[in-house]
Amino acid sequence: MWRRIDRQLNRFTIDKVYTRLFTEVGNGWGNPMSSDERVKTGIGAELRVGLVSNYMLPSRFFVSAAYGFNDITVNLPEQFITPTGASSVKYGREILLHFGLLFDFEL
């Protein structure tokens, strides 16, 4: 989105801002937990900010959100113990948020 911003925010200097939109299509195979064989789809977006802290520590901060369009039911093996005693778990049709802080040191 923007490069060489060089804006000071307290002890951080904002260097770059990136955005990303993505789509996902796929299916897993060969796992012991059964799921249906349909292809799963989803969309998402990410905001990534490049920072320099304390004038010398390069770092990256990101926030990512994804939404799955399909309902997926995973049947759990008997060894799995859940608080409710359920034998399956449902996924999909919910927003998943991820965030992180990365450090970028080059030797």
C-alpha atoms as a PDB file:
ATOM      1  CA  MET A   1       0.000   0.000   0.000  1.00  0.00           C
ATOM      2  CA  TRP A   2       2.639   2.522   1.092  1.00  0.00           C
ATOM      3  CA  ARG A   3       6.428   2.400   1.075  1.00  0.00           C
ATOM      4  CA  ARG A   4       8.957   4.592   2.864  1.00  0.00           C
ATOM      5  CA  ILE A   5       6.380   6.171   5.111  1.00  0.00           C
ATOM      6  CA  ASP A   6       8.963   7.026   7.801  1.00  0.00           C
ATOM      7  CA  ARG A   7       6.398   8.186  10.359  1.00  0.00           C
ATOM      8  CA  GLN A   8       7.369   8.221  14.028  1.00  0.00           C
ATOM      9  CA  LEU A   9       4.869   6.771  16.515  1.00  0.00           C
ATOM     10  CA  ASN A  10       6.363   6.877  20.009  1.00  0.00           C
ATOM     11  CA  ARG A  11       9.434   4.619  19.845  1.00  0.00           C
ATOM     12  CA  PHE A  12       8.336   2.995  16.564  1.00  0.00           C
ATOM     13  CA  THR A  13       9.014   4.186  13.027  1.00  0.00           C
ATOM     14  CA  ILE A  14       6.428   2.950  10.527  1.00  0.00           C
ATOM     15  CA  ASP A  15       8.286   1.936   7.380  1.00  0.00           C
ATOM     16  CA  LYS A  16       5.836   0.036   5.110  1.00  0.00           C
ATOM     17  CA  VAL A  17       2.150  -0.952   5.048  1.00  0.00           C
ATOM     18  CA  TYR A  18       0.915  -3.901   2.986  1.00  0.00           C
ATOM     19  CA  THR A  19      -2.586  -5.246   2.372  1.00  0.00           C
ATOM     20  CA  ARG A  20      -3.521  -8.572   0.876  1.00  0.00           C
ATOM     21  CA  LEU A  21      -6.788 -10.145  -0.246  1.00  0.00           C
ATOM     22  CA  PHE A  22      -6.865 -13.891  -0.846  1.00  0.00           C
ATOM     23  CA  THR A  23      -9.084 -16.829  -1.726  1.00  0.00           C
ATOM     24  CA  GLU A  24      -8.594 -20.408  -0.603  1.00  0.00           C
ATOM     25  CA  VAL A  25      -9.676 -23.604  -2.359  1.00  0.00           C
ATOM     26  CA  GLY A  26      -8.596 -27.056  -1.269  1.00  0.00           C
ATOM     27  CA  ASN A  27      -9.178 -30.301   0.530  1.00  0.00           C
ATOM     28  CA  GLY A  28      -7.185 -32.492   2.902  1.00  0.00           C
ATOM     29  CA  TRP A  29      -6.570 -36.161   2.330  1.00  0.00           C
ATOM     30  CA  GLY A  30      -5.037 -39.129   4.070  1.00  0.00           C
ATOM     31  CA  ASN A  31      -5.782 -38.055   7.640  1.00  0.00           C
ATOM     32  CA  PRO A  32      -7.165 -40.371  10.328  1.00  0.00           C
ATOM     33  CA  MET A  33     -10.058 -37.993  11.114  1.00  0.00           C
ATOM     34  CA  SER A  34     -12.769 -38.373   8.526  1.00  0.00           C
ATOM     35  CA  SER A  35     -14.334 -35.377   6.846  1.00  0.00           C
ATOM     36  CA  ASP A  36     -16.391 -35.105   3.718  1.00  0.00           C
ATOM     37  CA  GLU A  37     -14.632 -35.107   0.357  1.00  0.00           C
ATOM     38  CA  ARG A  38     -16.010 -31.776  -0.888  1.00  0.00           C
ATOM     39  CA  VAL A  39     -13.601 -29.031  -1.929  1.00  0.00           C
ATOM     40  CA  LYS A  40     -13.539 -26.305   0.736  1.00  0.00           C
ATOM     41  CA  THR A  41     -13.460 -22.586  -0.134  1.00  0.00           C
ATOM     42  CA  GLY A  42     -12.858 -19.345   1.728  1.00  0.00           C
ATOM     43  CA  ILE A  43     -11.748 -15.722   1.469  1.00  0.00           C
ATOM     44  CA  GLY A  44      -9.630 -13.450   3.623  1.00  0.00           C
ATOM     45  CA  ALA A  45      -7.686 -10.234   4.058  1.00  0.00           C
ATOM     46  CA  GLU A  46      -4.448  -9.229   5.788  1.00  0.00           C
ATOM     47  CA  LEU A  47      -2.850  -5.995   6.956  1.00  0.00           C
ATOM     48  CA  ARG A  48       0.925  -6.069   7.518  1.00  0.00           C
ATOM     49  CA  VAL A  49       2.917  -3.145   8.922  1.00  0.00           C
ATOM     50  CA  GLY A  50       6.709  -2.892   8.770  1.00  0.00           C
ATOM     51  CA  LEU A  51       8.187  -1.196  11.844  1.00  0.00           C
ATOM     52  CA  VAL A  52      11.561  -0.246  13.245  1.00  0.00           C
ATOM     53  CA  SER A  53      11.608  -0.023  17.043  1.00  0.00           C
ATOM     54  CA  ASN A  54      14.192   1.747  19.173  1.00  0.00           C
ATOM     55  CA  TYR A  55      15.894   2.983  15.980  1.00  0.00           C
ATOM     56  CA  MET A  56      17.476  -0.416  15.199  1.00  0.00           C
ATOM     57  CA  LEU A  57      15.133  -3.419  15.638  1.00  0.00           C
ATOM     58  CA  PRO A  58      13.232  -4.241  12.405  1.00  0.00           C
ATOM     59  CA  SER A  59       9.913  -5.945  13.018  1.00  0.00           C
ATOM     60  CA  ARG A  60       6.613  -6.711  11.318  1.00  0.00           C
ATOM     61  CA  PHE A  61       3.110  -6.752  12.768  1.00  0.00           C
ATOM     62  CA  PHE A  62       0.190  -8.412  10.975  1.00  0.00           C
ATOM     63  CA  VAL A  63      -3.537  -8.962  11.424  1.00  0.00           C
ATOM     64  CA  SER A  64      -5.274 -11.497   9.192  1.00  0.00           C
ATOM     65  CA  ALA A  65      -8.921 -12.563   8.910  1.00  0.00           C
ATOM     66  CA  ALA A  66     -10.350 -15.524   6.968  1.00  0.00           C
ATOM     67  CA  TYR A  67     -13.887 -16.804   6.424  1.00  0.00           C
ATOM     68  CA  GLY A  68     -14.735 -20.362   5.353  1.00  0.00           C
ATOM     69  CA  PHE A  69     -17.809 -20.797   3.172  1.00  0.00           C
ATOM     70  CA  ASN A  70     -18.357 -24.516   3.867  1.00  0.00           C
ATOM     71  CA  ASP A  71     -19.640 -26.293   6.967  1.00  0.00           C
ATOM     72  CA  ILE A  72     -17.220 -29.091   7.865  1.00  0.00           C
ATOM     73  CA  THR A  73     -17.850 -31.816  10.421  1.00  0.00           C
ATOM     74  CA  VAL A  74     -14.775 -33.719  11.622  1.00  0.00           C
ATOM     75  CA  ASN A  75     -15.414 -37.053  13.347  1.00  0.00           C
ATOM     76  CA  LEU A  76     -13.001 -37.499  16.241  1.00  0.00           C
ATOM     77  CA  PRO A  77     -11.316 -40.809  17.117  1.00  0.00           C
ATOM     78  CA  GLU A  78     -12.356 -42.480  20.384  1.00  0.00           C
ATOM     79  CA  GLN A  79      -9.081 -41.351  22.074  1.00  0.00           C
ATOM     80  CA  PHE A  80     -10.153 -37.683  21.893  1.00  0.00           C
ATOM     81  CA  ILE A  81     -11.828 -36.394  25.028  1.00  0.00           C
ATOM     82  CA  THR A  82     -13.933 -33.244  24.769  1.00  0.00           C
ATOM     83  CA  PRO A  83     -15.511 -31.269  27.634  1.00  0.00           C
ATOM     84  CA  THR A  84     -18.994 -31.945  26.264  1.00  0.00           C
ATOM     85  CA  GLY A  85     -18.364 -35.582  25.321  1.00  0.00           C
ATOM     86  CA  ALA A  86     -19.031 -34.835  21.642  1.00  0.00           C
ATOM     87  CA  SER A  87     -17.649 -37.228  19.036  1.00  0.00           C
ATOM     88  CA  SER A  88     -17.376 -34.598  16.290  1.00  0.00           C
ATOM     89  CA  VAL A  89     -16.353 -30.971  15.806  1.00  0.00           C
ATOM     90  CA  LYS A  90     -17.919 -28.473  13.389  1.00  0.00           C
ATOM     91  CA  TYR A  91     -15.912 -25.838  11.525  1.00  0.00           C
ATOM     92  CA  GLY A  92     -16.727 -23.249   8.895  1.00  0.00           C
ATOM     93  CA  ARG A  93     -18.997 -20.268   8.423  1.00  0.00           C
ATOM     94  CA  GLU A  94     -17.039 -18.275  11.010  1.00  0.00           C
ATOM     95  CA  ILE A  95     -14.372 -15.583  10.908  1.00  0.00           C
ATOM     96  CA  LEU A  96     -10.907 -16.668  12.044  1.00  0.00           C
ATOM     97  CA  LEU A  97      -8.530 -13.918  13.226  1.00  0.00           C
ATOM     98  CA  HIS A  98      -4.757 -14.293  13.341  1.00  0.00           C
ATOM     99  CA  PHE A  99      -2.179 -11.783  14.468  1.00  0.00           C
ATOM    100  CA  GLY A 100       1.523 -11.833  15.022  1.00  0.00           C
ATOM    101  CA  LEU A 101       4.722  -9.931  15.623  1.00  0.00           C
ATOM    102  CA  LEU A 102       7.770 -10.907  13.592  1.00  0.00           C
ATOM    103  CA  PHE A 103      11.399  -9.822  13.913  1.00  0.00           C
ATOM    104  CA  ASP A 104      13.513  -9.403  10.788  1.00  0.00           C
ATOM    105  CA  PHE A 105      17.216  -9.704  11.567  1.00  0.00           C
ATOM    106  CA  GLU A 106      19.748 -10.255   8.811  1.00  0.00           C
ATOM    107  CA  LEU A 107      23.147 -11.665   9.677  1.00  0.00           C
END
